[in-house]
Protein backbone atom coordinates (compact mmCIF):
# COMPACT_ATOMS: atom_id res chain seq x y z
CA MET A 1 111.00 111.34 60.57
CA TYR A 2 109.52 108.67 58.27
CA ARG A 3 106.72 108.03 60.79
CA GLU A 4 105.91 111.75 60.88
CA PHE A 5 105.92 112.05 57.07
CA ALA A 6 103.73 108.96 56.60
CA LYS A 7 101.55 109.97 59.59
CA ILE A 8 102.15 106.59 61.23
CA GLY A 9 101.78 106.59 65.00
CA ASP A 10 104.04 104.85 67.49
CA GLY A 11 101.53 101.98 67.69
CA MET A 12 102.98 100.44 64.54
CA ALA A 13 106.16 98.64 65.55
CA TRP A 14 107.40 97.65 62.08
CA LEU A 15 108.07 99.80 59.02
CA PRO A 16 109.05 98.39 55.62
CA ASP A 17 112.74 98.54 54.76
CA GLU A 18 114.25 99.44 51.39
CA THR A 19 114.22 95.84 50.14
CA THR A 20 110.53 95.38 50.95
CA ILE A 21 109.60 98.60 49.17
CA LEU A 22 111.73 97.63 46.15
CA ARG A 23 110.07 94.19 45.95
CA PHE A 24 106.66 95.85 46.07
CA ARG A 25 107.70 98.21 43.27
CA HIS A 26 108.90 95.30 41.12
CA LEU A 27 105.63 93.44 41.76
CA LEU A 28 103.67 96.49 40.56
CA GLU A 29 105.86 96.70 37.46
CA ARG A 30 105.54 92.99 36.61
CA ARG A 31 101.76 93.15 36.83
CA ASN A 32 101.63 96.55 35.10
CA LEU A 33 99.81 98.09 38.08
CA ALA A 34 102.04 101.15 38.60
CA PRO A 35 100.21 103.40 36.07
CA ASP A 36 96.82 102.57 37.63
CA MET A 37 98.11 103.15 41.15
CA LEU A 38 99.67 106.48 40.16
CA ARG A 39 96.43 107.53 38.47
CA LEU A 40 94.44 106.64 41.60
CA VAL A 41 96.81 108.55 43.90
CA ASN A 42 96.72 111.57 41.56
CA ASP A 43 92.91 111.47 41.51
CA ILE A 44 92.80 111.46 45.32
CA LEU A 45 95.30 114.33 45.55
CA GLN A 46 93.42 116.34 42.94
CA ALA A 47 90.09 115.82 44.76
CA LYS A 48 91.72 117.22 47.91
CA GLY A 49 93.23 120.15 46.01
CA LEU A 50 96.78 118.95 46.66
CA LEU A 51 97.94 118.01 43.16
CA LEU A 52 100.45 120.27 41.41
CA ARG A 53 100.47 120.15 37.62
CA THR A 54 103.68 122.11 37.11
CA SER A 55 106.48 123.00 39.45
CA THR A 56 110.09 124.03 39.66
CA ALA A 57 112.60 121.93 41.52
CA VAL A 58 115.15 123.86 43.51
CA ASP A 59 118.15 122.29 45.15
CA ALA A 60 120.77 124.15 47.14
CA THR A 61 123.70 123.11 49.23
CA LEU A 62 125.35 125.45 51.70
CA ILE A 63 129.06 124.95 52.22
CA ALA A 64 131.69 126.74 54.23
CA ALA A 65 133.93 128.77 51.94
CA PRO A 66 136.50 131.51 52.41
CA SER A 67 135.49 135.08 51.61
CA SER A 68 135.92 136.10 48.01
CA THR A 69 139.08 138.02 47.14
CA LYS A 70 137.60 139.08 43.80
CA ASN A 71 136.76 142.60 44.96
CA ALA A 72 139.43 142.97 47.65
CA SER A 73 140.93 146.09 46.04
CA VAL A 74 137.53 147.82 45.67
CA ASP A 75 136.40 150.23 48.40
CA ALA A 76 133.94 148.33 50.62
CA THR A 77 132.12 151.49 51.73
CA PRO A 78 128.37 151.32 50.87
CA ARG A 79 127.22 153.93 48.38
């Protein structure tokens, strides 16, 4: 799934693990490069028409639950 998301073909045998990515992040932070990198990525996305300025995050979890008994005494016939 990561390969598909990152558009990395099967030819690349090694992918960075969590520790490698975290070390890279800390290196960017120590050298104060994160803001510049984010700005560059945003510029590229905007040039391609892929940058969203505002959005709404939606998160939902579906769980198995018994039917509600709240309206059990109400006639269930559609009106």
